[in-house]
Protein backbone atom coordinates (compact mmCIF):
# COMPACT_ATOMS: atom_id res chain seq x y z
CA MET A 1 111.34 86.90 -19.23
CA SER A 2 114.07 85.82 -20.99
CA LEU A 3 114.23 83.02 -18.10
CA THR A 4 110.60 81.95 -18.96
CA TRP A 5 111.74 81.46 -22.55
CA GLU A 6 114.85 79.89 -21.86
CA THR A 7 112.76 77.40 -19.64
CA ALA A 8 110.17 76.67 -22.29
CA ALA A 9 112.89 76.32 -24.81
CA ILE A 10 114.91 73.40 -22.94
CA TRP A 11 111.85 71.67 -22.06
CA MET A 12 110.33 71.73 -25.54
CA ALA A 13 114.13 70.49 -26.71
CA MET A 14 114.08 67.73 -24.14
CA ALA A 15 110.49 66.87 -26.38
CA LEU A 16 112.12 67.12 -29.70
CA LEU A 17 114.87 64.63 -28.40
CA ALA A 18 112.56 62.24 -26.67
CA SER A 19 110.21 62.65 -30.36
CA LEU A 20 113.15 62.16 -32.36
CA ILE A 21 114.99 58.98 -30.06
CA SER A 22 111.02 57.26 -30.18
CA VAL A 23 111.09 57.59 -34.05
CA ARG A 24 114.65 56.07 -34.00
CA ILE A 25 114.02 52.96 -32.15
CA GLY A 26 110.32 52.35 -32.35
CA ILE A 27 109.33 52.76 -28.39
CA SER A 28 106.52 54.64 -27.32
CA VAL A 29 107.20 58.41 -26.96
CA ALA A 30 105.82 58.46 -23.64
CA LEU A 31 108.68 56.24 -22.29
CA VAL A 32 111.40 58.45 -23.72
CA GLU A 33 110.08 61.24 -22.37
CA ILE A 34 109.92 60.21 -18.54
CA CYS A 35 113.46 58.89 -19.43
CA VAL A 36 115.00 62.13 -20.82
CA GLY A 37 113.12 63.69 -17.81
CA ILE A 38 115.04 61.43 -15.87
CA ILE A 39 118.46 62.67 -17.22
CA GLY A 40 117.41 65.80 -17.26
CA GLY A 41 116.37 66.37 -13.83
CA ASN A 42 119.51 64.59 -12.26
CA VAL A 43 122.25 65.46 -14.56
CA LEU A 44 121.24 68.57 -15.47
CA ALA A 45 119.39 69.57 -12.30
CA ILE A 46 116.25 70.58 -14.43
CA GLN A 47 113.33 71.09 -12.49
CA PRO A 48 109.58 72.03 -13.25
CA THR A 49 108.49 75.71 -12.83
CA PRO A 50 104.83 76.22 -11.67
CA TRP A 51 103.97 77.45 -15.22
CA ILE A 52 105.29 73.95 -16.40
CA ALA A 53 103.36 72.22 -13.67
CA SER A 54 100.15 73.79 -14.99
CA LEU A 55 101.24 72.55 -18.28
CA ALA A 56 101.48 69.11 -17.43
CA GLY A 57 98.29 69.55 -15.39
CA PHE A 58 96.39 70.24 -18.32
CA GLY A 59 97.83 67.86 -20.29
CA SER A 60 96.82 64.76 -18.05
CA VAL A 61 93.51 66.02 -17.59
CA VAL A 62 92.99 66.47 -21.55
CA LEU A 63 94.95 62.87 -22.34
CA THR A 64 92.63 61.45 -19.73
CA PHE A 65 89.41 63.02 -21.51
CA LEU A 66 90.92 61.54 -24.71
CA ALA A 67 91.23 58.49 -23.54
CA GLY A 68 87.49 58.03 -22.15
CA ALA A 69 86.43 59.71 -25.48
CA GLU A 70 87.95 57.02 -27.24
CA ILE A 71 85.89 54.18 -25.56
CA ASP A 72 83.64 52.55 -27.83
CA LEU A 73 80.46 52.06 -25.54
CA ALA A 74 79.35 49.50 -28.31
CA VAL A 75 82.18 47.20 -27.76
CA MET A 76 82.09 48.19 -23.63
CA LYS A 77 78.37 47.05 -24.08
CA ASN A 78 79.34 43.61 -26.48
CA LYS A 79 82.35 42.53 -24.29
CA TRP A 80 81.07 43.65 -20.72
CA LYS A 81 82.41 40.22 -19.66
CA GLU A 82 85.94 41.18 -20.54
CA THR A 83 85.85 44.63 -19.70
CA ILE A 84 84.51 44.64 -16.27
CA GLY A 85 86.20 41.13 -15.79
CA ILE A 86 89.62 42.24 -16.53
CA GLY A 87 89.32 46.13 -15.26
CA LEU A 88 88.29 44.47 -12.11
CA ALA A 89 90.48 42.01 -11.22
CA SER A 90 93.42 44.33 -12.11
CA PHE A 91 92.57 46.71 -9.66
CA PHE A 92 91.06 44.45 -6.29
CA ILE A 93 93.92 41.99 -6.50
CA PRO A 94 96.79 43.91 -7.00
CA CYS A 95 95.51 46.55 -4.55
CA LEU A 96 94.75 44.40 -1.86
CA SER A 97 98.38 42.30 -2.77
CA VAL A 98 100.40 45.18 -2.31
CA MET A 99 98.75 46.96 0.40
CA ALA A 100 99.00 43.69 2.61
CA PHE A 101 102.92 43.33 1.77
CA ALA A 102 103.32 47.23 2.67
CA TYR A 103 101.03 46.61 5.81
CA TRP A 104 102.24 43.36 7.00
CA VAL A 105 105.69 42.75 5.61
CA ILE A 106 107.14 46.43 5.53
CA GLY A 107 105.43 47.83 8.33
CA TRP A 108 104.24 50.59 6.87
CA SER A 109 101.33 52.20 8.46
CA LEU A 110 97.72 51.07 7.74
CA GLN A 111 97.11 54.56 5.67
CA ALA A 112 100.56 54.77 4.04
CA SER A 113 99.69 50.96 2.90
CA GLN A 114 96.45 51.87 1.52
CA VAL A 115 97.81 54.87 -0.55
CA ALA A 116 100.39 52.18 -1.45
CA GLY A 117 97.65 49.71 -2.78
CA ILE A 118 95.78 52.24 -4.75
CA ALA A 119 98.80 53.92 -6.06
CA LEU A 120 100.32 50.59 -7.74
CA CYS A 121 97.04 48.48 -8.78
CA ALA A 122 96.20 51.97 -10.88
CA THR A 123 96.68 51.58 -15.19
CA SER A 124 98.02 54.31 -16.64
CA VAL A 125 95.52 55.97 -19.12
CA ALA A 126 98.28 58.21 -20.66
CA VAL A 127 100.73 55.36 -21.33
CA VAL A 128 98.46 52.99 -22.35
CA TYR A 129 96.26 55.61 -24.83
CA THR A 130 99.79 57.12 -26.30
CA VAL A 131 100.77 53.47 -26.98
CA LEU A 132 97.72 52.34 -28.49
CA VAL A 133 97.27 55.57 -30.52
CA GLU A 134 100.88 55.10 -31.95
CA ARG A 135 100.26 51.71 -32.99
CA GLY A 136 97.12 52.39 -34.47
CA HIS A 137 95.70 49.63 -31.74
CA ASN A 138 93.02 51.96 -30.35
CA GLU A 139 90.80 51.73 -33.60
CA ILE A 140 90.67 47.88 -33.07
CA GLU A 141 88.81 45.77 -30.64
CA LEU A 142 91.67 44.63 -28.71
CA GLY A 143 92.57 48.39 -28.14
CA LYS A 144 89.29 49.39 -27.40
CA ILE A 145 88.84 46.47 -24.89
CA ILE A 146 92.14 47.53 -23.49
CA LEU A 147 90.88 51.20 -22.72
CA ALA A 148 87.66 49.85 -21.46
CA ALA A 149 89.32 47.57 -18.67
CA CYS A 150 91.65 50.41 -17.79
CA PHE A 151 88.93 52.62 -17.34
CA VAL A 152 87.39 49.95 -14.82
CA THR A 153 90.55 49.86 -13.00
CA ASP A 154 91.15 53.41 -12.64
CA LEU A 155 87.61 54.39 -11.70
CA GLY A 156 87.83 51.73 -8.94
CA SER A 157 91.14 53.22 -8.01
CA VAL A 158 89.80 57.14 -7.89
CA VAL A 159 86.60 55.50 -5.81
CA ALA A 160 88.78 53.84 -3.41
CA LEU A 161 91.16 56.90 -2.64
CA GLY A 162 87.96 59.02 -2.33
CA LEU A 163 86.02 56.89 -0.23
CA LEU A 164 89.15 56.08 2.15
CA PHE A 165 90.83 59.61 2.36
CA ALA A 166 88.03 62.58 0.92
CA ARG A 167 87.45 65.45 3.08
CA TYR A 168 83.24 64.68 3.54
CA ASP A 169 82.00 68.10 3.47
CA TRP A 170 79.77 70.51 1.35
CA TRP A 171 82.30 70.84 -1.34
CA LEU A 172 82.18 66.92 -1.76
CA ILE A 173 78.49 67.39 -2.12
CA VAL A 174 78.77 69.92 -4.73
CA PHE A 175 81.26 68.28 -6.52
CA LEU A 176 79.53 64.79 -7.02
CA VAL A 177 75.75 66.96 -7.66
CA VAL A 178 77.31 69.08 -10.36
CA THR A 179 79.64 66.33 -11.95
CA ALA A 180 76.43 64.01 -11.95
CA VAL A 181 74.18 66.80 -13.45
CA THR A 182 76.66 67.59 -15.81
CA LEU A 183 77.35 64.09 -17.59
CA TRP A 184 73.52 64.17 -17.50
CA GLN A 185 72.83 66.88 -19.82
CA LEU A 186 76.36 67.51 -21.45
CA PRO A 187 75.73 65.16 -24.54
CA GLY A 188 72.80 66.85 -25.77
CA VAL A 189 74.21 70.30 -24.87
CA ALA A 190 77.25 69.60 -26.56
CA GLY A 191 75.88 68.02 -29.62
CA TRP A 192 73.27 70.89 -30.13
CA LEU A 193 76.55 73.36 -29.69
CA PHE A 194 78.31 71.33 -32.17
CA ASP A 195 75.83 71.34 -34.53
CA LYS A 196 75.19 75.10 -34.54
CA VAL A 197 78.88 76.19 -34.59
CA GLY A 198 79.76 73.65 -37.12
CA HIS A 199 83.39 73.65 -38.02
CA ARG A 200 84.84 76.85 -37.40
CA ILE A 201 88.94 77.43 -37.10
CA SER A 202 88.33 78.88 -34.02
CA GLU A 203 86.84 75.38 -32.87
CA PRO A 204 84.36 76.97 -30.12
CA GLY A 205 83.15 73.04 -29.79
CA LEU A 206 86.15 72.27 -28.68
CA LYS A 207 86.90 74.89 -26.34
CA PHE A 208 83.39 74.31 -25.00
CA VAL A 209 84.76 70.86 -23.89
CA LEU A 210 87.48 72.37 -22.26
CA VAL A 211 85.61 74.93 -20.14
CA ILE A 212 83.72 71.92 -18.92
CA LEU A 213 86.92 70.21 -18.17
CA PHE A 214 88.49 72.84 -16.15
CA THR A 215 85.46 73.63 -14.29
CA LEU A 216 84.73 70.30 -12.76
CA GLY A 217 88.79 70.47 -12.27
CA ALA A 218 88.43 73.13 -9.78
CA LEU A 219 85.44 71.83 -8.06
CA ALA A 220 87.24 68.58 -7.78
CA SER A 221 90.59 70.18 -6.53
CA ALA A 222 88.14 72.42 -3.76
CA ALA A 223 87.00 69.00 -2.89
CA GLN A 224 90.24 67.23 -2.43
CA SER A 225 89.70 65.18 -5.08
CA GLU A 226 91.35 64.51 -8.66
CA ALA A 227 90.79 66.87 -11.81
CA VAL A 228 91.35 63.56 -13.98
CA LEU A 229 88.21 61.53 -12.56
CA PRO A 230 85.74 64.31 -14.05
CA ALA A 231 87.81 64.15 -17.06
CA TYR A 232 87.52 60.93 -17.86
CA LEU A 233 83.98 60.61 -17.34
CA VAL A 234 83.27 63.41 -19.50
CA GLY A 235 85.05 61.87 -22.12
CA LEU A 236 82.99 58.52 -21.62
CA VAL A 237 79.51 60.15 -22.24
CA LEU A 238 81.02 62.24 -25.16
CA ALA A 239 82.63 59.25 -26.61
CA PRO A 240 79.81 58.71 -29.17
CA LEU A 241 80.00 62.13 -30.03
CA PHE A 242 83.68 62.31 -30.82
CA LEU A 243 83.96 58.75 -32.59
CA ALA A 244 81.25 60.07 -35.12
CA ASN A 245 83.53 62.94 -35.53
CA LYS A 246 86.80 61.83 -35.88
CA THR A 247 88.51 65.39 -36.78
CA LEU A 248 87.40 66.95 -33.22
CA ALA A 249 89.26 63.85 -31.65
CA HIS A 250 92.34 64.14 -33.97
CA ARG A 251 92.80 68.11 -33.57
CA LEU A 252 92.54 67.92 -29.80
CA ARG A 253 94.76 64.97 -29.81
CA ALA A 254 97.60 66.76 -31.91
CA ILE A 255 97.30 69.79 -29.71
CA ALA A 256 97.63 67.34 -26.55
CA LEU A 257 100.50 65.34 -27.78
CA THR A 258 102.26 68.18 -29.06
CA VAL A 259 102.42 71.09 -26.45
CA LEU A 260 100.84 69.64 -23.76
CA THR A 261 101.42 65.93 -22.38
CA PRO A 262 105.06 66.05 -23.13
CA PHE A 263 105.37 68.09 -20.41
CA TYR A 264 103.75 65.74 -18.13
CA PHE A 265 105.82 62.88 -18.80
CA LEU A 266 108.88 64.81 -18.94
CA LYS A 267 108.04 66.30 -15.45
CA ALA A 268 107.26 62.61 -14.00
CA GLY A 269 110.79 61.71 -15.14
CA VAL A 270 112.70 64.88 -13.54
CA LEU A 271 110.82 64.35 -10.30
CA VAL A 272 112.28 61.06 -9.56
CA SER A 273 115.63 61.57 -7.43
CA LEU A 274 118.48 58.62 -8.67
CA LYS A 275 119.91 59.30 -4.90
CA ALA A 276 116.19 57.98 -3.62
CA VAL A 277 115.92 55.47 -5.65
CA LEU A 278 119.52 54.14 -5.05
CA ALA A 279 118.64 54.42 -1.39
CA ALA A 280 115.92 52.16 -1.39
CA THR A 281 116.59 50.26 -4.62
CA ALA A 282 115.33 46.46 -2.89
CA LEU A 283 112.17 47.88 -1.37
CA ILE A 284 111.26 49.47 -5.21
CA GLY A 285 112.47 45.66 -6.39
CA LEU A 286 110.02 44.04 -3.96
CA PHE A 287 106.90 46.47 -4.60
CA PHE A 288 107.52 46.23 -8.09
CA ALA A 289 107.94 42.22 -7.78
CA VAL A 290 104.53 42.03 -6.06
CA ASN A 291 102.53 44.43 -8.12
CA THR A 292 103.27 42.90 -11.65
CA SER A 293 102.96 39.25 -10.23
CA ALA A 294 99.71 40.70 -8.74
CA LYS A 295 98.87 42.06 -12.21
CA LEU A 296 99.78 38.55 -14.11
CA ILE A 297 97.55 36.66 -11.55
CA SER A 298 94.88 38.42 -11.99
CA VAL A 299 95.09 39.76 -15.51
CA TRP A 300 96.48 36.87 -17.74
CA PRO A 301 94.33 33.84 -16.52
CA LEU A 302 91.12 35.81 -17.35
CA THR A 303 92.28 36.61 -21.02
CA ARG A 304 92.93 32.66 -21.51
CA LEU A 305 89.07 32.29 -20.06
CA PHE A 306 87.90 34.96 -22.50
CA ARG A 307 89.81 33.03 -25.29
CA PHE A 308 92.53 35.82 -26.47
CA ARG A 309 95.09 34.04 -28.65
CA PRO A 310 98.43 33.98 -26.03
CA LYS A 311 100.21 36.91 -27.81
CA GLU A 312 96.93 39.27 -27.34
CA GLY A 313 96.75 38.03 -23.99
CA MET A 314 99.92 38.80 -22.69
CA TYR A 315 100.16 41.85 -24.54
CA THR A 316 96.78 42.85 -22.75
CA THR A 317 98.13 42.15 -19.75
CA LEU A 318 101.26 43.83 -19.69
CA LEU A 319 99.50 47.05 -20.62
CA MET A 320 96.97 46.62 -17.58
CA ALA A 321 100.20 46.25 -15.66
CA THR A 322 101.74 49.60 -16.54
CA GLY A 323 101.15 52.55 -14.23
CA LEU A 324 102.04 56.40 -14.21
CA THR A 325 98.89 58.92 -14.23
CA PHE A 326 96.72 57.63 -11.40
CA GLY A 327 99.74 55.94 -9.61
CA THR A 328 101.85 59.63 -9.27
CA ILE A 329 98.31 61.40 -8.28
CA SER A 330 97.71 59.06 -5.68
CA SER A 331 101.26 58.98 -4.34
CA LEU A 332 100.99 62.86 -4.23
CA PHE A 333 98.09 62.83 -2.51
CA GLY A 334 99.48 60.95 0.28
CA LEU A 335 102.66 63.03 0.56
CA GLU A 336 100.45 66.10 0.53
CA HIS A 337 98.04 65.13 3.29
CA ASP A 338 100.73 63.38 5.39
CA LEU A 339 99.77 59.63 4.85
CA ILE A 340 103.14 58.79 3.62
CA THR A 341 106.32 60.19 4.19
CA GLY A 342 108.82 61.55 1.45
CA GLU A 343 110.65 58.82 1.49
CA GLN A 344 107.94 56.42 0.58
CA TYR A 345 106.59 58.88 -1.64
CA ALA A 346 109.88 58.44 -3.59
CA SER A 347 109.82 54.76 -3.48
CA LEU A 348 106.21 54.63 -4.80
CA VAL A 349 107.05 57.14 -7.59
CA THR A 350 109.84 55.22 -8.63
CA VAL A 351 108.06 52.22 -8.92
CA VAL A 352 105.11 53.78 -10.66
CA ILE A 353 107.42 54.91 -13.40
CA LEU A 354 109.17 51.43 -13.64
CA THR A 355 105.82 50.12 -14.02
CA ALA A 356 105.25 52.36 -17.17
CA ILE A 357 108.44 51.96 -18.61
CA ILE A 358 109.23 48.02 -18.26
CA PRO A 359 106.03 46.26 -18.64
CA THR A 360 104.87 48.60 -21.94
CA VAL A 361 108.48 47.99 -23.55
CA ILE A 362 108.16 44.41 -23.08
CA ALA A 363 104.61 44.25 -24.88
CA GLU A 364 106.01 46.68 -27.34
CA ARG A 365 108.73 44.70 -28.49
CA TRP A 366 108.02 40.76 -28.32
CA PHE A 367 104.04 40.83 -27.58
CA ASP A 368 102.43 43.49 -30.02
CA PRO A 369 99.75 41.65 -31.54
CA GLY A 370 100.95 43.59 -34.92
CA GLY A 371 100.71 46.41 -36.88
CA ARG A 372 103.13 49.15 -37.13
CA PRO A 373 103.65 52.78 -35.81
CA ARG A 374 101.28 55.07 -37.06
CA GLU A 375 102.03 58.18 -39.11
CA GLU A 376 100.55 61.40 -37.22
CA SER A 377 97.95 61.30 -39.52
CA TRP A 378 95.41 63.16 -37.58
CA VAL A 379 97.08 66.41 -38.34
CA GLN A 380 95.68 65.65 -42.17
CA PRO A 381 92.83 63.49 -41.03
CA SER A 382 92.25 63.05 -44.76
CA ALA A 383 95.11 61.75 -45.93
CA ALA A 384 94.60 59.23 -43.31
CA PRO A 385 95.32 55.48 -44.57
CA PRO A 386 92.31 53.06 -43.89
CA ALA A 387 92.47 51.01 -40.72
CA THR A 388 93.12 47.83 -42.51
CA GLU A 389 96.27 49.28 -44.07
CA VAL A 390 97.27 50.40 -40.39
CA VAL A 391 96.92 46.87 -38.54
CA PRO A 392 95.99 43.81 -40.32
CA SER A 393 92.69 42.10 -40.47
CA THR A 394 93.23 39.30 -38.30
CA LEU A 395 92.83 41.74 -35.67
CA THR A 396 89.38 42.74 -35.83
CA SER A 397 88.02 39.83 -34.54
CA GLN A 398 91.25 38.88 -32.09
CA VAL A 399 88.96 38.52 -28.68
CA GLY A 400 85.96 35.82 -28.30
CA PRO A 401 84.02 34.19 -31.08
């Protein structure tokens, strides 16, 4: 038992250190947690235990749900050209580019090349959502368009992974049917339940949401899919409920960002072997260059077409180039199903983590459209400053006429 508490203390100390560094240097805490994890894994030989991996899994599911719940369906409807156009371009062009590079240039097998394309084209809901929340951009139109575009890109990635490698059996049918019925009935049932229980300190409403997320996650695992897919969709259908009641999102976000997601980001860093990275430096660099170039080529012209301001267009492009959540999930899926080798997995995961760090740092440092890092005001929502104090009002109508 003492070893368990010792492990918990070490991991939480790394999370605290990352938070302090993030506050000091003004970089997203998610990125700092990845870097701290890399140091901890390679210098201190820290490795995730089964319960750490479980907490990390819970963190990815809850954070993915929150990202879906932040999607403003009205903005997605009014700006459907921007969100669907950017999202699909961000999926197809990088996926096909990386796949062709891996198959025709490097000589990987077709299945390994397909895994590489799917893993590297995905955007990181976890990183993008965390960055937008920290800057307050999740409450303005630009941030909502970016989140919606990420949804389209990642939905394409998960669908492609499922179509190419899913196990077509009864479990898949059960998962799809149960998920469809749940998404259909959930808004009404959740709305009725939240009205009945009201605001209780025991939060039965949030517990109900977690039961749905974990149940669908269990079915997804049985069908050899991923738990984050139904979590994203559940967040999307419950978005109107959570957007109308900010307190719910604030409370769940506080729990997730304090005790769940740090383990996910730290674990992502801990699993990176610097020896494997050094052994495949050239290959990693080529993958990163191909993927990032494809993202720039696919997204940047569309931001100009949709009349984003130059700074906001580059900010959008760079955030769409970040990877982590679905990238690591796809890579691990390929490894566990013998579609890629251990060396290929190490290369892909390293590229994914580089895409989580480098484009985001550049976006935050040189292309942030404005505003300042927001205080953690969701702990006390009533004390939160008005949106016009968090982000300059010039950002509220930054895209389109």
